[in-house]
Amino acid sequence: MGQTDIHPADYSDAKDADVCVITAGVPRKPGETRLDLVAKNVKILKSIVQPVVESGFKGVFVVSSNPVDILTTLTQKLSGFPKNRVIGTGTSLDSMRLRVELAKKLNVPVAKVNSMVLGEHGDTSFENFDESTVDGKPLRDYAEINDDVLSEIETDVRKKVGKIIAKKGATFYGVAMMLTQIVSAVLDNRSICLPLSAPINGEYGIKHDLYLGTPTVINGEGIEQVIETKLSDAEKAKMINSADKMQEVLGGIEL
């Protein structure tokens, strides 16, 4: 590790930064949903984005504060930045947890599991089980897999964050791991693909102007490509429903 200079600073120091990571916000309490945090965290977001932009910052915003899809959307609107230069952590951590659970069930390395959580990072998210593969083979072709097993895995993935919050107060380490991957890709100008909060422009038949969890290629410029992954009709309906729910919340926010 090279020499590190630690000193007091203010938002004007963001002028020459390549990345601005926004993690500030009121954390979820047990029993709260991510959407319950909207009013509290929008105010905090505005107090950060405006002075960072005024500093002359020309880099990439990376947002992990919850509700992340809404706050990523608002970061782009508040900053006026091109949409490719605003990224949210989205469903990247949810997807990693899903892959771990599937790998445990099938006794295979996590690297062989290709499965994602898509949509809102929250209650309207869903797993793309119909398109998931393990070692190149469709997930549903495995003898160990049936609808009951998938429902159990889905429940385990959804409940995991609540268990972590109940015991630790917040999900520190998992989101830090995903932020490390995202920021490293931007700083190293290295293309990687993750399920992130990305700007939707008609993908999946969604008509709203917002960010939502979908496979996204990022590099030194921010978002290189938003991927409309193949979904079954049922899953596509879930994606549209997730976007509709996000828009309902966004429609009630005044900036």
Protein backbone atom coordinates (compact mmCIF):
# COMPACT_ATOMS: atom_id res chain seq x y z
CA MET A 1 0.00 0.00 0.00
CA GLY A 2 1.39 3.41 -0.96
CA GLN A 3 1.49 6.52 1.15
CA THR A 4 -1.96 7.61 2.29
CA ASP A 5 -2.72 11.23 3.08
CA ILE A 6 -5.63 11.71 5.48
CA HIS A 7 -6.79 15.27 6.08
CA PRO A 8 -9.97 17.27 6.82
CA ALA A 9 -11.88 18.14 3.67
CA ASP A 10 -15.15 19.42 2.31
CA TYR A 11 -17.15 18.82 -0.86
CA SER A 12 -14.92 21.16 -2.89
CA ASP A 13 -12.26 18.44 -2.74
CA ALA A 14 -14.45 16.28 -4.97
CA LYS A 15 -13.48 18.39 -7.99
CA ASP A 16 -10.66 16.10 -9.12
CA ALA A 17 -12.19 12.79 -7.98
CA ASP A 18 -12.88 10.01 -10.47
CA VAL A 19 -15.66 8.42 -8.40
CA CYS A 20 -18.10 9.69 -5.79
CA VAL A 21 -19.60 6.86 -3.73
CA ILE A 22 -22.78 7.79 -1.85
CA THR A 23 -23.42 5.55 1.14
CA ALA A 24 -24.94 8.13 3.50
CA GLY A 25 -28.46 7.59 4.74
CA VAL A 26 -30.62 6.54 7.64
CA PRO A 27 -30.25 2.76 7.99
CA ARG A 28 -33.17 0.37 7.97
CA LYS A 29 -34.58 -0.63 11.31
CA PRO A 30 -36.02 -4.10 11.93
CA GLY A 31 -39.48 -4.23 10.34
CA GLU A 32 -38.87 -1.33 7.95
CA THR A 33 -38.85 -1.72 4.18
CA ARG A 34 -36.32 0.05 1.99
CA LEU A 35 -39.13 2.25 0.65
CA ASP A 36 -39.85 3.46 4.19
CA LEU A 37 -36.52 5.27 3.99
CA VAL A 38 -37.42 7.47 1.02
CA ALA A 39 -38.38 10.72 2.75
CA LYS A 40 -35.49 10.55 5.20
CA ASN A 41 -32.81 9.75 2.68
CA VAL A 42 -33.87 12.04 -0.18
CA LYS A 43 -33.05 15.04 2.02
CA ILE A 44 -29.63 13.60 2.82
CA LEU A 45 -29.02 12.83 -0.86
CA LYS A 46 -29.73 16.42 -1.92
CA SER A 47 -27.29 17.73 0.68
CA ILE A 48 -24.54 15.64 -0.94
CA VAL A 49 -25.19 15.71 -4.69
CA GLN A 50 -25.62 19.46 -5.07
CA PRO A 51 -22.31 20.54 -3.46
CA VAL A 52 -20.41 17.72 -5.17
CA VAL A 53 -21.64 18.90 -8.58
CA GLU A 54 -20.90 22.52 -7.66
CA SER A 55 -17.31 21.52 -6.90
CA GLY A 56 -16.77 20.75 -10.58
CA PHE A 57 -16.86 16.97 -10.14
CA LYS A 58 -16.81 15.23 -13.53
CA GLY A 59 -16.50 11.62 -12.48
CA VAL A 60 -18.96 8.78 -11.88
CA PHE A 61 -21.56 8.68 -9.09
CA VAL A 62 -22.00 5.27 -7.44
CA VAL A 63 -25.00 5.01 -5.10
CA SER A 64 -25.60 2.36 -2.45
CA SER A 65 -27.94 4.22 -0.05
CA ASN A 66 -31.44 2.75 0.14
CA PRO A 67 -33.88 2.65 -1.51
CA VAL A 68 -31.06 2.42 -4.03
CA ASP A 69 -33.05 2.39 -7.30
CA ILE A 70 -34.97 5.51 -6.32
CA LEU A 71 -31.94 7.34 -4.94
CA THR A 72 -29.89 6.46 -8.03
CA THR A 73 -32.67 7.85 -10.23
CA LEU A 74 -32.78 11.02 -8.13
CA THR A 75 -28.99 11.37 -8.14
CA GLN A 76 -29.07 11.52 -11.94
CA LYS A 77 -31.91 14.05 -11.93
CA LEU A 78 -30.33 16.24 -9.23
CA SER A 79 -26.89 16.17 -10.82
CA GLY A 80 -27.99 16.52 -14.43
CA PHE A 81 -25.22 14.06 -15.30
CA PRO A 82 -25.43 11.80 -18.35
CA LYS A 83 -27.21 8.62 -17.28
CA ASN A 84 -24.18 6.45 -17.95
CA ARG A 85 -22.24 8.32 -15.25
CA VAL A 86 -24.65 7.41 -12.44
CA ILE A 87 -24.72 3.81 -11.17
CA GLY A 88 -26.50 2.09 -8.27
CA THR A 89 -25.51 -1.14 -6.55
CA GLY A 90 -28.95 -2.47 -7.46
CA THR A 91 -29.52 -6.21 -7.06
CA SER A 92 -25.84 -7.16 -7.25
CA LEU A 93 -25.66 -8.29 -3.62
CA ASP A 94 -29.05 -10.04 -3.81
CA SER A 95 -27.79 -11.93 -6.85
CA MET A 96 -24.61 -13.01 -5.08
CA ARG A 97 -26.64 -14.33 -2.16
CA LEU A 98 -28.87 -16.21 -4.60
CA ARG A 99 -25.91 -17.81 -6.35
CA VAL A 100 -24.47 -18.90 -3.00
CA GLU A 101 -27.74 -20.56 -1.94
CA LEU A 102 -28.08 -22.38 -5.28
CA ALA A 103 -24.46 -23.51 -5.13
CA LYS A 104 -25.02 -24.92 -1.64
CA LYS A 105 -28.14 -26.76 -2.75
CA LEU A 106 -26.47 -28.34 -5.78
CA ASN A 107 -23.03 -28.76 -4.17
CA VAL A 108 -21.21 -26.89 -6.94
CA PRO A 109 -18.81 -23.91 -6.98
CA VAL A 110 -20.55 -20.53 -6.95
CA ALA A 111 -18.69 -19.62 -10.15
CA LYS A 112 -20.70 -22.25 -12.04
CA VAL A 113 -24.05 -20.70 -11.08
CA ASN A 114 -25.58 -18.14 -13.45
CA SER A 115 -28.67 -16.72 -11.76
CA MET A 116 -29.80 -13.20 -10.93
CA VAL A 117 -32.20 -11.17 -8.84
CA LEU A 118 -33.71 -8.43 -11.00
CA GLY A 119 -35.94 -5.38 -10.61
CA GLU A 120 -36.09 -3.26 -7.48
CA HIS A 121 -33.59 -3.93 -4.71
CA GLY A 122 -36.52 -4.59 -2.41
CA ASP A 123 -39.89 -6.26 -2.08
CA THR A 124 -40.79 -6.35 -5.81
CA SER A 125 -37.53 -7.98 -6.91
CA PHE A 126 -37.60 -11.46 -8.43
CA GLU A 127 -35.27 -14.32 -9.38
CA ASN A 128 -34.82 -15.25 -13.05
CA PHE A 129 -35.08 -18.98 -12.34
CA ASP A 130 -36.54 -19.71 -15.79
CA GLU A 131 -33.30 -18.59 -17.46
CA SER A 132 -30.82 -19.61 -14.74
CA THR A 133 -28.10 -22.14 -15.53
CA VAL A 134 -25.64 -24.20 -13.50
CA ASP A 135 -22.49 -25.32 -15.29
CA GLY A 136 -24.24 -24.40 -18.54
CA LYS A 137 -27.27 -26.61 -17.83
CA PRO A 138 -30.75 -25.12 -17.21
CA LEU A 139 -31.39 -24.89 -13.48
CA ARG A 140 -34.79 -26.56 -13.71
CA ASP A 141 -33.23 -29.63 -15.37
CA TYR A 142 -31.52 -30.63 -12.13
CA ALA A 143 -33.27 -33.42 -10.22
CA GLU A 144 -32.75 -31.60 -6.92
CA ILE A 145 -34.70 -28.58 -8.17
CA ASN A 146 -38.47 -28.14 -8.13
CA ASP A 147 -40.84 -25.25 -7.45
CA ASP A 148 -40.91 -25.92 -3.71
CA VAL A 149 -37.11 -25.89 -3.50
CA LEU A 150 -36.89 -22.67 -5.51
CA SER A 151 -39.53 -21.06 -3.31
CA GLU A 152 -37.52 -22.04 -0.24
CA ILE A 153 -34.32 -20.61 -1.72
CA GLU A 154 -36.12 -17.40 -2.67
CA THR A 155 -37.39 -17.05 0.90
CA ASP A 156 -33.92 -17.69 2.35
CA VAL A 157 -32.39 -15.02 0.12
CA ARG A 158 -35.06 -12.46 1.01
CA LYS A 159 -34.87 -13.13 4.75
CA LYS A 160 -31.08 -13.03 4.91
CA VAL A 161 -30.84 -9.25 4.94
CA GLY A 162 -33.40 -9.01 7.76
CA LYS A 163 -31.42 -11.51 9.82
CA ILE A 164 -28.22 -9.54 9.27
CA ILE A 165 -29.89 -6.26 10.28
CA ALA A 166 -31.37 -7.87 13.39
CA LYS A 167 -27.98 -9.17 14.53
CA LYS A 168 -25.54 -6.52 13.23
CA GLY A 169 -27.69 -3.44 12.72
CA ALA A 170 -26.86 -3.11 9.01
CA THR A 171 -25.40 -4.99 6.05
CA PHE A 172 -21.88 -3.57 6.08
CA TYR A 173 -19.63 -6.16 4.50
CA GLY A 174 -21.70 -7.51 1.63
CA VAL A 175 -22.40 -4.11 0.10
CA ALA A 176 -18.77 -3.08 0.68
CA MET A 177 -17.69 -6.09 -1.37
CA MET A 178 -19.96 -5.09 -4.26
CA LEU A 179 -18.85 -1.45 -4.09
CA THR A 180 -15.24 -2.61 -4.29
CA GLN A 181 -16.00 -4.48 -7.52
CA ILE A 182 -17.85 -1.53 -9.04
CA VAL A 183 -15.34 1.16 -8.10
CA SER A 184 -12.37 -1.00 -9.14
CA ALA A 185 -13.93 -1.53 -12.57
CA VAL A 186 -14.38 2.23 -13.01
CA LEU A 187 -10.92 3.19 -11.76
CA ASP A 188 -9.16 0.43 -13.73
CA ASN A 189 -11.31 0.99 -16.84
CA ARG A 190 -12.10 -2.72 -16.77
CA SER A 191 -15.40 -3.98 -18.21
CA ILE A 192 -17.46 -6.19 -15.91
CA CYS A 193 -21.13 -7.18 -15.92
CA LEU A 194 -23.27 -7.10 -12.77
CA PRO A 195 -26.99 -6.71 -11.98
CA LEU A 196 -26.99 -2.99 -11.11
CA SER A 197 -29.37 -0.06 -10.90
CA ALA A 198 -29.18 1.15 -14.49
CA PRO A 199 -31.20 3.61 -16.59
CA ILE A 200 -34.14 1.95 -18.32
CA ASN A 201 -34.87 3.16 -21.84
CA GLY A 202 -37.75 1.00 -23.02
CA GLU A 203 -36.16 -2.30 -22.03
CA TYR A 204 -38.63 -5.01 -20.97
CA GLY A 205 -41.48 -2.82 -22.23
CA ILE A 206 -41.03 -0.41 -19.30
CA LYS A 207 -42.26 3.09 -20.11
CA HIS A 208 -40.94 4.91 -17.03
CA ASP A 209 -37.78 7.03 -16.83
CA LEU A 210 -35.99 5.39 -13.92
CA TYR A 211 -33.17 3.12 -12.78
CA LEU A 212 -33.81 -0.56 -12.05
CA GLY A 213 -31.81 -3.73 -11.43
CA THR A 214 -30.74 -5.34 -14.71
CA PRO A 215 -27.49 -6.80 -16.09
CA THR A 216 -25.16 -3.87 -16.74
CA VAL A 217 -21.68 -3.60 -18.24
CA ILE A 218 -19.55 -0.92 -16.58
CA ASN A 219 -16.07 0.45 -17.22
CA GLY A 220 -14.07 3.65 -16.76
CA GLU A 221 -16.80 5.77 -18.34
CA GLY A 222 -19.48 4.39 -16.02
CA ILE A 223 -22.21 2.38 -17.73
CA GLU A 224 -21.07 0.94 -21.05
CA GLN A 225 -24.19 -1.12 -21.82
CA VAL A 226 -27.58 -1.85 -20.27
CA ILE A 227 -28.54 -5.42 -21.11
CA GLU A 228 -32.15 -6.50 -21.59
CA THR A 229 -31.75 -10.11 -20.54
CA LYS A 230 -34.16 -12.75 -21.79
CA LEU A 231 -37.14 -13.28 -19.47
CA SER A 232 -40.17 -15.53 -19.51
CA ASP A 233 -43.55 -13.82 -19.87
CA ALA A 234 -44.19 -14.25 -16.14
CA GLU A 235 -40.82 -12.76 -15.23
CA LYS A 236 -41.26 -9.86 -17.65
CA ALA A 237 -44.56 -9.06 -15.94
CA LYS A 238 -42.71 -9.00 -12.60
CA MET A 239 -40.13 -6.62 -14.04
CA ILE A 240 -42.83 -4.25 -15.28
CA ASN A 241 -44.62 -4.45 -11.92
CA SER A 242 -41.39 -3.59 -10.13
CA ALA A 243 -40.93 -0.53 -12.35
CA ASP A 244 -44.55 0.52 -11.80
CA LYS A 245 -44.10 0.38 -8.02
CA MET A 246 -40.92 2.45 -8.25
CA GLN A 247 -42.68 5.04 -10.40
CA GLU A 248 -45.49 5.36 -7.85
CA VAL A 249 -42.93 6.36 -5.24
CA LEU A 250 -40.95 8.62 -7.58
CA GLY A 251 -44.13 10.40 -8.62
CA GLY A 252 -44.68 11.55 -5.05
CA ILE A 253 -41.22 13.06 -4.58
CA GLU A 254 -40.61 16.78 -5.06
CA LEU A 255 -37.02 17.83 -5.70
